[in-house]
Amino acid sequence: MKEHDHRAFREAITRIIRETPMKVLICPEDVTQIALGKEILYDPLPDDVKQKVVWRDTFWLTDEALSVYIRSAGLFCNEQHSPIMCIANGIPAIVCRYAEQTSKGIMWKDIGLSDWLFDLDVDKEIEGIVPAVLALATQPKTARNKAQEARKVVLARQRETMQTLKEHL
């Protein structure tokens, strides 16, 4: 499913490079994705696009990743951990998921980010990835505000949960 699950990512990268002044970093969520990022995302890109794309060829720890994310316009990926770190810091994050990842992506719906959640097993949803990524890139204030609102939902639920624990412990 490599091609199926990453085609829209390549298109989004290409469109960002060609339609905005931004650069793109291809980075791994885990060590197994280093080679995949090069093979399926970076190598097939057109030469004019590659000039403004960086492929990270080493794994990084959470603190280094977060220090990059907070300086970025946002993130799009098919994992959950980096997007969680982004939203926790008010950084826009689009999540693409598939059945083998279980239902954990549903948390995006729970915090008001349904339109930033895409199911790669549903072709109709894949069509929405590129427009969503471009909107994130070209409307940064709107995207940041949306991420901040989701963060507020998370913080409110954490307060409620801790209050429940306090009452029962």
Protein backbone atom coordinates (compact mmCIF):
# COMPACT_ATOMS: atom_id res chain seq x y z
CA MET A 1 0.00 0.00 0.00
CA LYS A 2 3.05 2.28 -0.09
CA GLU A 3 2.08 4.03 -3.31
CA HIS A 4 -1.61 4.18 -2.43
CA ASP A 5 -0.95 5.63 1.03
CA HIS A 6 1.64 8.22 -0.04
CA ARG A 7 0.61 9.50 -3.47
CA ALA A 8 -1.43 12.36 -2.00
CA PHE A 9 1.50 13.31 0.27
CA ARG A 10 3.79 13.71 -2.75
CA GLU A 11 1.17 15.80 -4.51
CA ALA A 12 0.77 17.97 -1.42
CA ILE A 13 4.54 18.44 -1.15
CA THR A 14 4.76 19.37 -4.83
CA ARG A 15 1.89 21.83 -4.59
CA ILE A 16 3.31 23.47 -1.44
CA ILE A 17 6.68 23.97 -3.13
CA ARG A 18 5.23 25.26 -6.37
CA GLU A 19 2.46 27.41 -4.89
CA THR A 20 4.01 28.86 -1.73
CA PRO A 21 7.42 30.15 -0.63
CA MET A 22 7.63 27.33 1.93
CA LYS A 23 10.05 24.46 2.20
CA VAL A 24 9.12 20.92 3.26
CA LEU A 25 10.87 18.55 5.63
CA ILE A 26 10.31 14.82 5.20
CA CYS A 27 11.05 13.30 8.59
CA PRO A 28 10.40 9.93 10.22
CA GLU A 29 7.92 9.24 12.99
CA ASP A 30 9.93 6.11 13.75
CA VAL A 31 13.17 4.56 12.51
CA THR A 32 11.40 2.29 10.01
CA GLN A 33 10.20 5.33 8.08
CA ILE A 34 13.62 6.79 7.22
CA ALA A 35 14.16 4.68 4.11
CA LEU A 36 10.47 4.81 3.22
CA GLY A 37 10.53 8.61 3.26
CA LYS A 38 13.31 8.63 0.71
CA GLU A 39 11.93 5.86 -1.48
CA ILE A 40 8.28 6.79 -1.63
CA LEU A 41 8.22 10.53 -0.87
CA TYR A 42 11.53 12.21 -1.76
CA ASP A 43 13.00 10.24 -4.69
CA PRO A 44 9.91 10.43 -6.95
CA LEU A 45 9.57 14.22 -6.57
CA PRO A 46 10.33 16.38 -9.62
CA ASP A 47 13.80 17.99 -9.56
CA ASP A 48 12.44 21.54 -9.21
CA VAL A 49 10.52 20.44 -6.11
CA LYS A 50 13.43 18.53 -4.55
CA GLN A 51 15.42 21.77 -4.40
CA LYS A 52 13.16 22.98 -1.58
CA VAL A 53 12.58 19.65 0.19
CA VAL A 54 14.80 18.18 2.87
CA TRP A 55 14.76 14.46 3.63
CA ARG A 56 15.94 13.69 7.15
CA ASP A 57 18.08 10.57 7.00
CA THR A 58 18.38 9.96 10.74
CA PHE A 59 15.90 9.33 13.50
CA TRP A 60 15.32 12.07 16.05
CA LEU A 61 14.15 12.20 19.60
CA THR A 62 10.97 13.89 20.74
CA ASP A 63 12.56 17.14 21.95
CA GLU A 64 14.34 17.74 18.65
CA ALA A 65 11.22 16.90 16.64
CA LEU A 66 9.09 19.25 18.72
CA SER A 67 11.63 22.07 18.38
CA VAL A 68 11.19 21.81 14.60
CA TYR A 69 7.41 21.41 14.69
CA ILE A 70 6.87 24.59 16.72
CA ARG A 71 8.74 26.57 14.06
CA SER A 72 6.74 25.04 11.22
CA ALA A 73 3.50 25.99 9.51
CA GLY A 74 2.19 22.56 10.46
CA LEU A 75 2.43 18.85 9.88
CA PHE A 76 0.74 16.19 7.80
CA CYS A 77 1.45 12.52 8.24
CA ASN A 78 0.04 9.04 8.60
CA GLU A 79 0.97 8.56 12.23
CA GLN A 80 -0.53 9.88 15.45
CA HIS A 81 2.28 10.78 17.88
CA SER A 82 3.76 13.80 16.10
CA PRO A 83 0.32 15.31 15.43
CA ILE A 84 -0.50 14.94 19.15
CA MET A 85 2.70 16.78 20.02
CA CYS A 86 1.80 19.48 17.52
CA ILE A 87 -1.75 20.08 18.75
CA ALA A 88 -0.48 20.11 22.34
CA ASN A 89 1.59 23.11 21.28
CA GLY A 90 -1.00 24.79 19.06
CA ILE A 91 0.62 23.65 15.80
CA PRO A 92 -1.72 22.54 12.98
CA ALA A 93 -1.59 18.81 12.25
CA ILE A 94 -3.37 16.70 9.66
CA VAL A 95 -3.64 12.98 10.37
CA CYS A 96 -4.05 10.30 7.73
CA ARG A 97 -4.78 6.85 9.07
CA TYR A 98 -5.64 3.32 7.97
CA ALA A 99 -7.37 0.35 9.55
CA GLU A 100 -4.19 -1.32 10.85
CA GLN A 101 -3.64 1.65 13.16
CA THR A 102 -6.76 0.81 15.16
CA SER A 103 -9.24 3.54 16.03
CA LYS A 104 -6.88 5.98 17.75
CA GLY A 105 -7.31 8.58 15.00
CA ILE A 106 -10.85 9.11 16.19
CA MET A 107 -9.46 11.41 18.87
CA TRP A 108 -9.15 14.04 16.12
CA LYS A 109 -12.92 14.00 15.80
CA ASP A 110 -13.28 14.19 19.58
CA ILE A 111 -11.28 17.43 19.75
CA GLY A 112 -12.96 19.14 16.79
CA LEU A 113 -10.50 18.27 14.02
CA SER A 114 -12.67 16.01 11.84
CA ASP A 115 -11.68 17.88 8.70
CA TRP A 116 -8.01 17.24 9.50
CA LEU A 117 -8.53 13.46 9.73
CA PHE A 118 -8.40 11.31 6.60
CA ASP A 119 -8.93 7.57 6.23
CA LEU A 120 -6.51 6.21 3.62
CA ASP A 121 -8.77 3.18 3.19
CA VAL A 122 -11.51 5.43 1.77
CA ASP A 123 -10.62 6.77 -1.68
CA LYS A 124 -13.08 9.67 -1.41
CA GLU A 125 -11.31 10.88 1.75
CA ILE A 126 -7.90 10.71 0.08
CA GLU A 127 -9.12 13.33 -2.39
CA GLY A 128 -9.41 15.81 0.48
CA ILE A 129 -5.81 15.53 1.70
CA VAL A 130 -4.14 17.89 -0.77
CA PRO A 131 -6.73 20.68 -0.40
CA ALA A 132 -6.52 20.41 3.40
CA VAL A 133 -2.72 20.57 3.38
CA LEU A 134 -2.76 23.55 1.02
CA ALA A 135 -5.29 25.35 3.21
CA LEU A 136 -3.05 24.74 6.23
CA ALA A 137 -0.09 26.20 4.30
CA THR A 138 -1.84 29.15 2.70
CA GLN A 139 -4.10 30.15 5.59
CA PRO A 140 -1.70 29.91 8.53
CA LYS A 141 -3.65 32.14 10.91
CA THR A 142 -6.85 30.14 10.41
CA ALA A 143 -4.96 26.86 10.81
CA ARG A 144 -3.22 28.02 14.01
CA ASN A 145 -6.51 29.22 15.47
CA LYS A 146 -8.10 25.86 14.72
CA ALA A 147 -5.18 24.03 16.37
CA GLN A 148 -5.45 26.31 19.41
CA GLU A 149 -9.18 25.58 19.72
CA ALA A 150 -8.50 21.84 19.64
CA ARG A 151 -5.81 22.33 22.28
CA LYS A 152 -8.35 24.12 24.48
CA VAL A 153 -10.71 21.14 24.19
CA VAL A 154 -7.92 18.79 25.26
CA LEU A 155 -6.94 20.96 28.21
CA ALA A 156 -10.56 21.25 29.38
CA ARG A 157 -11.00 17.47 29.23
CA GLN A 158 -7.77 16.96 31.14
CA ARG A 159 -8.98 19.34 33.88
CA GLU A 160 -12.30 17.47 34.08
CA THR A 161 -10.52 14.13 34.29
CA MET A 162 -8.16 15.28 37.01
CA GLN A 163 -11.08 16.74 38.97
CA THR A 164 -12.86 13.38 38.79
CA LEU A 165 -9.74 11.63 40.06
CA LYS A 166 -9.32 14.18 42.84
CA GLU A 167 -12.90 13.58 43.96
CA HIS A 168 -12.45 9.81 44.09
CA LEU A 169 -8.95 9.42 45.45
